[in-house]
């Protein structure tokens, strides 16, 4: 079966191997209409980055350069016409696929040690990459998984295959060394999810102080201070909490993760877009939505089509970064309506979780606009609210952007990163990909203020480990990379990597389009 996307649906494209036609602008013609009951199981407009698991002809966009326009894959007929997403036989299960075997998660949802909010990400898709990148002792986790009911005769071939991290030699070696040298066996007691309690106190304490000043006098300065608090939450406790890495208590992780809703985002949408799409397929031009979600306004990758104005993007992007908060709002509401972020369908999401999207927006705007409006009037509330949104957006955009958008982490030029990203997913070394497509900066201080996002390589290898352990892990990762001759990108300071990011945006904005090497990428470009 052809690999197609980070989520198991691949929008099911035309479910289970039914043939379809990809039109020049990414429209797919299904063989039969979807059922009414599938409203929340399908997005309304199927994106074209999804590949059929039958032979398919990809019609590229006129500006798209491809090395091939036809990809042939084995036919994967669903036994008896069964459809794992719509057929009643399978709808009764909370199913997932791990290394080619389908399991029913229903009985384990409420017993999962890290909480059901993370388990829900596995429902309706191949969970192999999520599963293997989240467990420091995979043999223990697999033993528990294999006690779950196996769904015999399940049409596994209809479900797009995820990467297999445990097949990566460097990843296995690093993980073993981390267990032995950093945690010394104490990960069995949750040591890897501990250590960030004081950081959480510091972040929440500063936020409480900033909000007190904001309600005392809403203005540009207090709004900016609150914006810094919102950015600090976004970088640290919500991020780590939604990865299940702030505490050994899943309720604490979930509560801290929901701080994303408090600052104007959505914890639900973040988990699907960030963990299912971005983390699993870092910098893949077909499957990582962070690569193409800003296109055509910004061109983060040379494999995307180039427009004349992209040559100036390193200049005008600074006028766009303050609008990130608005982009979050639009994206979250659209995803709620479509039941899908750009890169992942919300198969496991419950109605209660969907309700948090709306409730979170109401709470956020009550705190940032309604309360100061009542206390100080409309002008003060709007001024303070705008300052909050602008400062938060600039800090988040600048910090997020540098992590994966420097020459070392992209396929702008021939080299190890381009070679990795141009390898078909089934043959790609997942651990090597995560290392090559990420870049670090700074050290312990940056780690504290960014929740470990300055040590992006270690975060991508171990998203379920508390960020306070990343500096120790970084020494192991760098050592293994040096021993194996694998690139390990590290900049000394944030200004240094930010400067290189700006130059990269100028370079990629002017660069000719790099030919894509897969039908998945060609299909994505056709949609764009």
Protein backbone atom coordinates (compact mmCIF):
# COMPACT_ATOMS: atom_id res chain seq x y z
CA UNK A 1 0.00 0.00 0.00
CA UNK A 2 1.23 3.49 -0.77
CA UNK A 3 1.99 5.72 2.17
CA UNK A 4 -0.04 8.84 2.13
CA UNK A 5 -0.53 10.96 5.19
CA UNK A 6 0.03 11.33 8.86
CA UNK A 7 -3.49 10.46 9.80
CA UNK A 8 -5.05 7.14 9.17
CA UNK A 9 -7.85 8.52 7.18
CA UNK A 10 -5.68 10.03 4.55
CA UNK A 11 -9.21 11.22 4.42
CA UNK A 12 -9.66 7.64 3.51
CA UNK A 13 -9.36 9.13 0.24
CA UNK A 14 -11.68 6.97 -1.61
CA UNK A 15 -11.77 4.49 1.13
CA UNK A 16 -10.15 1.19 1.00
CA UNK A 17 -8.63 1.35 -2.42
CA UNK A 18 -11.57 2.66 -4.39
CA UNK A 19 -10.19 4.45 -7.39
CA UNK A 20 -10.58 8.17 -7.86
CA UNK A 21 -9.32 10.90 -10.13
CA UNK A 22 -7.15 13.76 -8.99
CA UNK A 23 -8.05 16.81 -11.02
CA UNK A 24 -5.56 19.60 -11.80
CA UNK A 25 -6.60 21.67 -8.80
CA UNK A 26 -6.82 18.84 -6.34
CA UNK A 27 -10.49 17.92 -6.63
CA UNK A 28 -11.26 14.25 -6.09
CA UNK A 29 -14.19 12.54 -7.67
CA UNK A 30 -15.51 9.79 -5.38
CA UNK A 31 -17.07 6.63 -6.70
CA UNK A 32 -20.06 6.87 -4.40
CA UNK A 33 -21.37 9.58 -2.06
CA UNK A 34 -20.57 9.52 1.62
CA UNK A 35 -23.24 8.57 4.08
CA UNK A 36 -25.03 11.20 6.14
CA UNK A 37 -23.76 9.55 9.33
CA UNK A 38 -20.19 10.29 8.32
CA UNK A 39 -20.55 14.05 8.88
CA UNK A 40 -18.00 14.07 11.67
CA UNK A 41 -15.85 11.35 10.16
CA UNK A 42 -15.02 13.19 6.96
CA UNK A 43 -14.09 16.70 6.06
CA UNK A 44 -16.28 18.34 3.51
CA UNK A 45 -13.52 18.94 0.99
CA UNK A 46 -11.01 16.12 0.75
CA UNK A 47 -7.49 17.57 0.41
CA UNK A 48 -5.45 16.44 -2.52
CA UNK A 49 -2.34 15.54 -0.58
CA UNK A 50 -3.97 12.20 0.06
CA UNK A 51 -2.92 9.37 -2.21
CA UNK A 52 -4.98 6.49 -3.40
CA UNK A 53 -3.70 3.03 -2.58
CA UNK A 54 -4.50 1.97 -6.14
CA UNK A 55 -2.68 3.19 -9.22
CA UNK A 56 -3.26 6.91 -9.49
CA UNK A 57 -2.35 9.59 -11.97
CA UNK A 58 -1.39 12.89 -10.41
CA UNK A 59 -2.04 15.97 -12.48
CA UNK A 60 0.42 18.60 -11.25
CA UNK A 61 -0.29 22.27 -10.91
CA UNK A 62 1.02 24.16 -13.97
CA UNK A 63 3.79 25.65 -11.78
CA UNK A 64 4.72 22.32 -10.23
CA UNK A 65 7.87 20.50 -11.30
CA UNK A 66 7.82 16.77 -10.73
CA UNK A 67 10.17 13.96 -11.62
CA UNK A 68 7.20 11.70 -12.27
CA UNK A 69 3.48 12.14 -12.70
CA UNK A 70 2.40 8.55 -12.28
CA UNK A 71 2.73 6.37 -9.20
CA UNK A 72 1.65 2.76 -9.16
CA UNK A 73 0.86 0.98 -5.91
CA UNK A 74 -0.51 -2.46 -5.12
CA UNK A 75 -4.26 -2.74 -5.13
CA UNK A 76 -5.60 -3.00 -1.59
CA UNK A 77 -9.18 -4.22 -1.86
CA UNK A 78 -11.20 -4.11 1.33
CA UNK A 79 -12.43 -7.63 2.13
CA UNK A 80 -16.11 -7.91 1.43
CA UNK A 81 -16.37 -4.22 0.69
CA UNK A 82 -15.75 -3.35 4.34
CA UNK A 83 -14.83 0.22 5.14
CA UNK A 84 -12.99 0.71 8.45
CA UNK A 85 -14.30 4.27 8.84
CA UNK A 86 -17.92 3.85 7.80
CA UNK A 87 -18.98 0.21 7.91
CA UNK A 88 -21.00 -0.57 11.01
CA UNK A 89 -18.90 -3.67 11.63
CA UNK A 90 -15.95 -1.44 12.55
CA UNK A 91 -17.71 1.70 13.79
CA UNK A 92 -18.52 0.00 17.08
CA UNK A 93 -14.80 -0.18 17.91
CA UNK A 94 -12.26 2.44 18.87
CA UNK A 95 -9.77 0.86 16.51
CA UNK A 96 -6.18 1.59 15.75
CA UNK A 97 -3.46 -0.14 13.76
CA UNK A 98 -0.01 -0.94 15.12
CA UNK A 99 2.56 -2.53 12.80
CA UNK A 100 -0.04 -4.09 10.56
CA UNK A 101 -2.37 -5.40 13.29
CA UNK A 102 -5.69 -3.80 14.22
CA UNK A 103 -6.58 -3.48 17.91
CA UNK A 104 -9.67 -2.34 19.79
CA UNK A 105 -8.72 0.36 22.30
CA UNK A 106 -12.18 0.65 23.87
CA UNK A 107 -11.46 -1.21 27.10
CA UNK A 108 -8.10 0.54 27.59
CA UNK A 109 -9.11 4.17 26.99
CA UNK A 110 -9.75 5.00 30.63
CA UNK A 111 -6.92 2.79 31.91
CA UNK A 112 -4.10 4.27 29.87
CA UNK A 113 -1.50 5.60 32.35
CA UNK A 114 -1.00 8.85 30.41
CA UNK A 115 -4.72 9.53 30.06
CA UNK A 116 -7.38 9.02 27.43
CA UNK A 117 -6.82 12.46 25.86
CA UNK A 118 -3.60 11.15 24.32
CA UNK A 119 -5.00 7.72 23.46
CA UNK A 120 -7.71 9.38 21.38
CA UNK A 121 -5.06 10.52 18.91
CA UNK A 122 -4.56 6.87 17.92
CA UNK A 123 -8.19 6.17 17.08
CA UNK A 124 -8.95 5.65 13.39
CA UNK A 125 -5.34 5.65 12.17
CA UNK A 126 -2.08 3.76 12.18
CA UNK A 127 -0.65 4.74 15.55
CA UNK A 128 2.79 3.13 15.17
CA UNK A 129 4.81 6.35 15.01
CA UNK A 130 2.88 7.98 17.84
CA UNK A 131 3.14 4.86 19.97
CA UNK A 132 6.84 4.22 19.47
CA UNK A 133 7.98 7.81 19.87
CA UNK A 134 6.09 8.21 23.15
CA UNK A 135 7.41 5.20 25.08
CA UNK A 136 10.91 4.96 26.51
CA UNK A 137 10.49 1.23 27.03
CA UNK A 138 8.65 0.09 23.89
CA UNK A 139 8.90 -3.59 24.81
CA UNK A 140 6.84 -2.94 27.96
CA UNK A 141 4.28 -0.83 26.12
CA UNK A 142 3.96 -3.36 23.30
CA UNK A 143 3.35 -6.13 25.83
CA UNK A 144 0.37 -4.19 27.18
CA UNK A 145 -0.88 -3.38 23.70
CA UNK A 146 -0.87 -7.01 22.64
CA UNK A 147 -3.19 -7.89 25.49
CA UNK A 148 -5.92 -5.82 23.81
CA UNK A 149 -8.52 -7.44 21.54
CA UNK A 150 -7.24 -8.02 18.01
CA UNK A 151 -9.75 -7.24 15.25
CA UNK A 152 -9.60 -10.23 12.97
CA UNK A 153 -10.33 -9.68 9.28
CA UNK A 154 -9.87 -5.94 9.75
CA UNK A 155 -9.00 -4.26 6.41
CA UNK A 156 -5.56 -3.13 7.55
CA UNK A 157 -4.43 -2.41 4.00
CA UNK A 158 -7.05 0.32 3.76
CA UNK A 159 -5.30 2.28 6.52
CA UNK A 160 -2.28 4.35 5.47
CA UNK A 161 0.89 3.07 7.08
CA UNK A 162 2.70 5.32 9.55
CA UNK A 163 6.49 5.48 9.95
CA UNK A 164 8.12 2.89 12.23
CA UNK A 165 10.49 4.73 14.64
CA UNK A 166 11.68 1.51 16.29
CA UNK A 167 13.23 0.46 12.98
CA UNK A 168 15.74 3.33 13.33
CA UNK A 169 19.06 2.14 14.70
CA UNK A 170 20.19 5.57 15.87
CA UNK A 171 16.87 6.20 17.59
CA UNK A 172 17.02 2.88 19.43
CA UNK A 173 20.62 3.52 20.49
CA UNK A 174 19.91 7.03 21.74
CA UNK A 175 16.81 5.89 23.60
CA UNK A 176 18.74 3.12 25.34
CA UNK A 177 21.48 5.54 26.38
CA UNK A 178 18.90 8.04 27.66
CA UNK A 179 17.34 5.34 29.84
CA UNK A 180 20.68 4.22 31.18
CA UNK A 181 22.60 7.50 31.47
CA UNK A 182 19.91 10.08 32.23
CA UNK A 183 17.19 8.21 34.09
CA UNK A 184 19.17 5.18 35.29
CA UNK A 185 16.08 2.99 35.26
CA UNK A 186 13.89 5.48 37.13
CA UNK A 187 11.74 6.09 34.03
CA UNK A 188 9.70 3.12 35.23
CA UNK A 189 8.65 5.36 38.12
CA UNK A 190 7.89 8.32 35.89
CA UNK A 191 11.18 10.19 36.23
CA UNK A 192 11.05 11.21 32.56
CA UNK A 193 7.77 13.08 33.13
CA UNK A 194 9.01 14.84 36.25
CA UNK A 195 11.27 17.82 36.86
CA UNK A 196 9.30 20.70 35.36
CA UNK A 197 7.12 21.51 38.37
CA UNK A 198 9.08 24.65 39.34
CA UNK A 199 8.99 25.83 35.75
CA UNK A 200 5.19 25.49 35.77
CA UNK A 201 5.00 27.51 39.01
CA UNK A 202 7.17 30.22 37.48
CA UNK A 203 5.10 30.45 34.30
CA UNK A 204 1.75 30.49 36.07
CA UNK A 205 3.04 32.89 38.73
CA UNK A 206 4.22 35.39 36.12
CA UNK A 207 0.94 35.02 34.25
CA UNK A 208 -1.09 35.76 37.39
CA UNK A 209 1.02 38.84 38.11
CA UNK A 210 0.76 40.07 34.52
CA UNK A 211 -3.01 39.61 34.48
CA UNK A 212 -3.34 41.49 37.76
CA UNK A 213 -1.55 44.46 36.20
CA UNK A 214 -3.71 44.12 33.10
CA UNK A 215 -6.96 44.31 35.04
CA UNK A 216 -5.58 47.15 37.17
CA UNK A 217 -4.84 49.22 34.06
CA UNK A 218 -5.28 47.82 30.57
CA UNK A 219 -2.87 49.57 28.23
CA UNK A 220 -0.12 48.85 25.71
CA UNK A 221 2.48 48.01 28.34
CA UNK A 222 0.34 45.73 30.52
CA UNK A 223 -1.11 44.14 27.39
CA UNK A 224 2.42 43.45 26.14
CA UNK A 225 3.42 41.95 29.49
CA UNK A 226 0.36 39.71 29.37
CA UNK A 227 1.24 38.80 25.79
CA UNK A 228 4.63 37.59 27.00
CA UNK A 229 2.81 35.47 29.56
CA UNK A 230 0.61 34.01 26.85
CA UNK A 231 3.64 33.21 24.73
CA UNK A 232 5.44 31.63 27.68
CA UNK A 233 2.43 29.42 28.35
CA UNK A 234 2.27 28.51 24.67
CA UNK A 235 5.94 27.55 24.55
CA UNK A 236 6.08 25.68 27.83
CA UNK A 237 3.27 24.28 29.96
CA UNK A 238 0.56 23.91 27.33
CA UNK A 239 3.01 22.42 24.86
CA UNK A 240 4.58 19.99 27.29
CA UNK A 241 1.21 19.26 28.94
CA UNK A 242 -0.44 18.32 25.65
CA UNK A 243 2.46 15.96 25.01
CA UNK A 244 1.73 14.38 28.40
CA UNK A 245 5.18 15.34 29.65
CA UNK A 246 4.63 17.89 32.44
CA UNK A 247 3.61 15.40 35.11
CA UNK A 248 3.08 11.73 35.90
CA UNK A 249 -0.55 12.67 36.59
CA UNK A 250 -2.61 12.73 33.36
CA UNK A 251 -5.14 15.13 34.90
CA UNK A 252 -2.36 17.66 35.53
CA UNK A 253 -1.09 17.26 31.98
CA UNK A 254 -4.57 17.73 30.56
CA UNK A 255 -5.24 20.80 32.70
CA UNK A 256 -1.94 22.42 31.76
CA UNK A 257 -2.54 21.51 28.13
CA UNK A 258 -5.87 23.31 28.23
CA UNK A 259 -4.01 26.51 29.07
CA UNK A 260 -3.71 26.70 25.29
CA UNK A 261 -7.44 27.49 25.21
CA UNK A 262 -6.90 30.11 27.89
CA UNK A 263 -4.36 32.03 25.80
CA UNK A 264 -6.49 31.96 22.64
CA UNK A 265 -5.56 28.69 20.96
CA UNK A 266 -7.17 25.27 21.09
CA UNK A 267 -5.64 22.34 22.93
CA UNK A 268 -7.73 19.91 20.90
CA UNK A 269 -6.68 21.23 17.50
CA UNK A 270 -3.10 21.61 18.63
CA UNK A 271 -2.82 17.96 19.63
CA UNK A 272 -3.99 16.75 16.23
CA UNK A 273 -2.14 19.20 14.02
CA UNK A 274 1.06 19.24 16.04
CA UNK A 275 1.39 15.63 17.15
CA UNK A 276 -0.31 13.66 14.39
CA UNK A 277 0.86 15.74 11.43
CA UNK A 278 3.98 17.73 12.32
CA UNK A 279 5.81 15.52 14.80
CA UNK A 280 5.42 12.32 12.85
CA UNK A 281 6.40 13.79 9.47
CA UNK A 282 8.72 16.69 10.28
CA UNK A 283 9.37 18.88 7.21
CA UNK A 284 7.78 16.43 4.79
CA UNK A 285 6.29 18.60 2.07
CA UNK A 286 3.23 16.38 1.69
CA UNK A 287 2.41 15.39 5.26
CA UNK A 288 3.71 18.05 7.68
CA UNK A 289 1.14 20.83 7.63
CA UNK A 290 3.65 23.29 9.10
CA UNK A 291 5.43 23.20 5.74
CA UNK A 292 2.50 24.32 3.63
CA UNK A 293 -0.13 25.84 5.94
CA UNK A 294 1.19 29.40 5.39
CA UNK A 295 1.39 29.00 1.61
CA UNK A 296 0.90 30.90 -0.70
CA UNK A 297 1.53 33.91 1.54
CA UNK A 298 4.81 32.51 2.82
CA UNK A 299 6.99 29.93 1.10
CA UNK A 300 8.85 27.93 3.74
CA UNK A 301 10.10 25.26 1.38
CA UNK A 302 11.70 25.28 -2.07
CA UNK A 303 9.53 22.32 -3.10
CA UNK A 304 6.51 24.65 -3.03
CA UNK A 305 5.64 26.75 -6.10
CA UNK A 306 7.34 30.15 -6.23
CA UNK A 307 5.46 33.40 -6.82
CA UNK A 308 7.08 36.73 -7.64
CA UNK A 309 6.36 38.26 -4.23
CA UNK A 310 8.14 35.49 -2.33
CA UNK A 311 11.45 37.21 -3.06
CA UNK A 312 10.34 39.84 -0.53
CA UNK A 313 8.94 37.48 2.10
CA UNK A 314 11.89 37.95 4.45
CA UNK A 315 10.73 41.56 4.72
CA UNK A 316 6.95 41.38 4.76
CA UNK A 317 6.79 38.35 7.05
CA UNK A 318 7.39 40.69 9.98
CA UNK A 319 4.11 42.40 9.16
CA UNK A 320 2.39 39.00 9.18
CA UNK A 321 3.84 37.54 12.37
CA UNK A 322 1.72 39.84 14.60
CA UNK A 323 -1.36 38.30 12.98
CA UNK A 324 -0.60 34.75 14.16
CA UNK A 325 -3.29 34.96 16.84
CA UNK A 326 -5.90 35.71 14.16
CA UNK A 327 -4.66 32.77 12.10
CA UNK A 328 -5.13 30.55 15.16
CA UNK A 329 -8.74 31.68 15.58
CA UNK A 330 -9.65 31.13 11.94
CA UNK A 331 -7.87 27.81 11.77
CA UNK A 332 -9.43 26.47 14.97
CA UNK A 333 -12.99 27.33 13.96
CA UNK A 334 -12.51 25.97 10.45
CA UNK A 335 -11.09 22.75 11.87
CA UNK A 336 -14.07 22.48 14.23
CA UNK A 337 -16.49 22.80 11.30
CA UNK A 338 -14.52 20.44 9.05
CA UNK A 339 -13.67 18.03 11.88
CA UNK A 340 -10.12 18.22 10.60
CA UNK A 341 -7.02 20.36 10.93
CA UNK A 342 -5.01 20.85 7.76
CA UNK A 343 -3.08 17.66 8.38
CA UNK A 344 -5.18 15.37 10.58
CA UNK A 345 -8.81 14.33 11.01
CA UNK A 346 -10.25 14.42 14.53
CA UNK A 347 -11.37 10.80 14.64
CA UNK A 348 -10.95 10.29 18.36
CA UNK A 349 -12.31 13.66 19.45
CA UNK A 350 -15.43 13.59 21.62
CA UNK A 351 -18.23 16.15 21.66
CA UNK A 352 -16.98 17.39 25.04
CA UNK A 353 -13.55 18.01 23.54
CA UNK A 354 -15.05 19.84 20.58
CA UNK A 355 -17.02 22.00 22.99
CA UNK A 356 -13.76 23.11 24.59
CA UNK A 357 -12.88 24.92 21.37
CA UNK A 358 -15.85 27.27 21.67
CA UNK A 359 -15.74 27.47 25.47
CA UNK A 360 -12.04 28.27 25.34
CA UNK A 361 -12.55 31.13 22.89
CA UNK A 362 -15.32 32.58 25.05
CA UNK A 363 -13.16 32.39 28.18
CA UNK A 364 -10.15 33.87 26.43
CA UNK A 365 -12.01 36.90 25.10
CA UNK A 366 -13.84 37.35 28.37
CA UNK A 367 -10.52 37.65 30.18
CA UNK A 368 -8.69 39.75 27.58
CA UNK A 369 -11.52 42.01 26.37
CA UNK A 370 -14.75 41.81 28.39
CA UNK A 371 -13.21 42.17 31.87
CA UNK A 372 -10.99 45.19 31.06
CA UNK A 373 -13.87 46.68 29.06
CA UNK A 374 -16.08 46.60 32.15
CA UNK A 375 -13.30 47.99 34.33
CA UNK A 376 -11.69 50.59 32.07
CA UNK A 377 -13.83 51.09 28.99
CA UNK A 378 -13.71 49.96 25.39
CA UNK A 379 -10.67 51.93 24.25
CA UNK A 380 -8.46 50.56 27.02
CA UNK A 381 -9.70 47.00 26.45
CA UNK A 382 -9.07 47.12 22.71
CA UNK A 383 -5.65 48.72 23.14
CA UNK A 384 -4.57 46.18 25.75
CA UNK A 385 -6.07 43.28 23.84
CA UNK A 386 -4.27 44.24 20.64
CA UNK A 387 -0.97 44.61 22.48
CA UNK A 388 -1.49 41.16 23.99
CA UNK A 389 -2.22 39.54 20.62
CA UNK A 390 0.63 41.26 18.78
CA UNK A 391 3.36 40.52 21.33
CA UNK A 392 2.24 36.93 21.85
CA UNK A 393 2.10 36.36 18.10
CA UNK A 394 5.55 37.81 17.39
CA UNK A 395 7.22 35.78 20.15
CA UNK A 396 5.51 32.53 19.15
CA UNK A 397 6.02 33.01 15.41
CA UNK A 398 9.70 33.89 15.77
CA UNK A 399 10.41 31.02 18.14
CA UNK A 400 8.46 28.41 16.19
CA UNK A 401 9.75 29.41 12.77
CA UNK A 402 13.46 29.03 13.43
CA UNK A 403 13.19 25.43 14.62
CA UNK A 404 12.74 23.86 11.18
CA UNK A 405 13.47 26.65 8.70
CA UNK A 406 17.20 26.98 8.31
CA UNK A 407 19.23 25.47 5.45
CA UNK A 408 20.38 22.46 7.47
CA UNK A 409 16.78 21.34 8.08
CA UNK A 410 15.46 21.78 4.54
CA UNK A 411 15.82 20.31 1.08
CA UNK A 412 16.89 23.62 -0.47
CA UNK A 413 20.20 22.11 -1.55
CA UNK A 414 21.45 18.59 -2.16
CA UNK A 415 22.64 16.90 1.00
CA UNK A 416 21.66 14.56 3.79
CA UNK A 417 18.38 16.35 4.61
CA UNK A 418 17.24 16.42 0.99
CA UNK A 419 18.18 12.77 0.62
CA UNK A 420 16.17 11.82 3.69
CA UNK A 421 13.08 13.80 2.69
CA UNK A 422 13.22 12.47 -0.87
CA UNK A 423 13.22 8.87 0.35
CA UNK A 424 9.85 7.13 0.31
CA UNK A 425 8.30 7.00 3.76
CA UNK A 426 8.38 3.22 3.97
CA UNK A 427 12.17 3.26 3.57
CA UNK A 428 12.96 6.45 5.47
CA UNK A 429 14.88 6.32 8.76
CA UNK A 430 12.53 8.12 11.15
CA UNK A 431 15.17 8.94 13.75
CA UNK A 432 17.55 10.39 11.17
CA UNK A 433 14.73 12.46 9.66
CA UNK A 434 13.86 14.04 13.02
CA UNK A 435 17.50 14.96 13.62
CA UNK A 436 18.17 16.36 10.15
CA UNK A 437 14.97 18.41 9.89
CA UNK A 438 15.34 20.19 13.24
CA UNK A 439 17.79 22.76 14.58
CA UNK A 440 18.84 23.73 18.12
CA UNK A 441 19.96 26.97 19.68
CA UNK A 442 21.17 28.02 23.11
CA UNK A 443 21.28 25.81 26.17
CA UNK A 444 19.82 25.59 29.67
CA UNK A 445 18.49 29.15 29.88
CA UNK A 446 16.80 28.97 26.51
CA UNK A 447 15.42 25.57 27.49
CA UNK A 448 13.75 27.06 30.57
CA UNK A 449 12.09 29.95 28.74
CA UNK A 450 10.99 27.97 25.67
CA UNK A 451 9.93 24.72 27.26
CA UNK A 452 12.70 22.88 25.46
CA UNK A 453 11.75 24.16 22.03
CA UNK A 454 15.24 25.60 21.62
CA UNK A 455 16.45 21.98 21.79
CA UNK A 456 14.15 20.99 18.98
CA UNK A 457 16.06 17.87 17.94
CA UNK A 458 15.69 16.30 21.37
CA UNK A 459 12.06 17.37 21.57
CA UNK A 460 11.24 15.66 18.29
CA UNK A 461 12.96 12.47 19.35
CA UNK A 462 11.38 12.45 22.82
CA UNK A 463 8.17 14.53 22.88
CA UNK A 464 6.87 12.71 25.98
CA UNK A 465 9.88 13.57 28.15
CA UNK A 466 9.86 16.67 30.36
CA UNK A 467 11.81 19.46 28.71
CA UNK A 468 13.96 19.92 31.82
CA UNK A 469 15.85 16.76 30.82
CA UNK A 470 16.63 17.91 27.27
CA UNK A 471 20.05 19.49 28.01
CA UNK A 472 21.30 16.15 29.37
CA UNK A 473 19.75 14.25 26.47
CA UNK A 474 21.27 16.69 23.96
CA UNK A 475 24.79 15.60 24.92
CA UNK A 476 23.91 12.00 24.10
CA UNK A 477 22.22 12.86 20.80
CA UNK A 478 25.11 15.04 19.65
CA UNK A 479 27.62 12.36 20.61
CA UNK A 480 25.79 9.67 18.63
CA UNK A 481 25.45 11.99 15.63
CA UNK A 482 29.17 12.78 15.72
CA UNK A 483 30.04 9.08 15.97
CA UNK A 484 27.89 8.28 12.94
CA UNK A 485 28.68 11.34 10.83
CA UNK A 486 25.10 12.63 10.98
CA UNK A 487 24.45 16.36 10.86
CA UNK A 488 23.55 17.94 14.23
CA UNK A 489 22.52 21.57 13.72
CA UNK A 490 23.15 23.83 16.73
CA UNK A 491 23.35 27.61 16.95
CA UNK A 492 24.79 29.33 20.00
CA UNK A 493 22.06 31.94 20.50
CA UNK A 494 18.55 32.86 19.42
CA UNK A 495 19.74 35.97 17.52
CA UNK A 496 22.17 33.77 15.61
CA UNK A 497 19.59 31.25 14.45
CA UNK A 498 17.02 34.01 13.88
CA UNK A 499 19.47 35.80 11.60
CA UNK A 500 20.06 32.58 9.68
CA UNK A 501 16.30 32.02 9.44
CA UNK A 502 15.82 35.47 7.90
CA UNK A 503 18.52 34.77 5.32
CA UNK A 504 16.99 31.38 4.60
CA UNK A 505 13.59 32.97 3.98
CA UNK A 506 15.22 35.33 1.49
CA UNK A 507 17.04 32.44 -0.19
CA UNK A 508 14.04 30.13 -0.41
CA UNK A 509 11.85 32.99 -1.57
CA UNK A 510 14.11 33.53 -4.58
CA UNK A 511 15.01 29.89 -5.25
CA UNK A 512 13.67 27.97 -8.21
CA UNK A 513 11.22 25.23 -7.33
CA UNK A 514 12.91 21.96 -6.42
CA UNK A 515 11.36 18.99 -8.26
CA UNK A 516 9.20 16.83 -6.04
CA UNK A 517 9.96 13.13 -5.93
CA UNK A 518 6.70 11.55 -4.87
CA UNK A 519 3.10 11.47 -5.98
CA UNK A 520 2.08 12.54 -2.48
CA UNK A 521 4.05 15.77 -2.80
CA UNK A 522 2.77 16.34 -6.33
CA UNK A 523 -0.80 15.89 -5.15
CA UNK A 524 -0.28 18.34 -2.32
CA UNK A 525 1.17 20.89 -4.69
CA UNK A 526 -1.76 20.39 -7.04
CA UNK A 527 -4.10 21.32 -4.20
CA UNK A 528 -2.01 24.37 -3.29
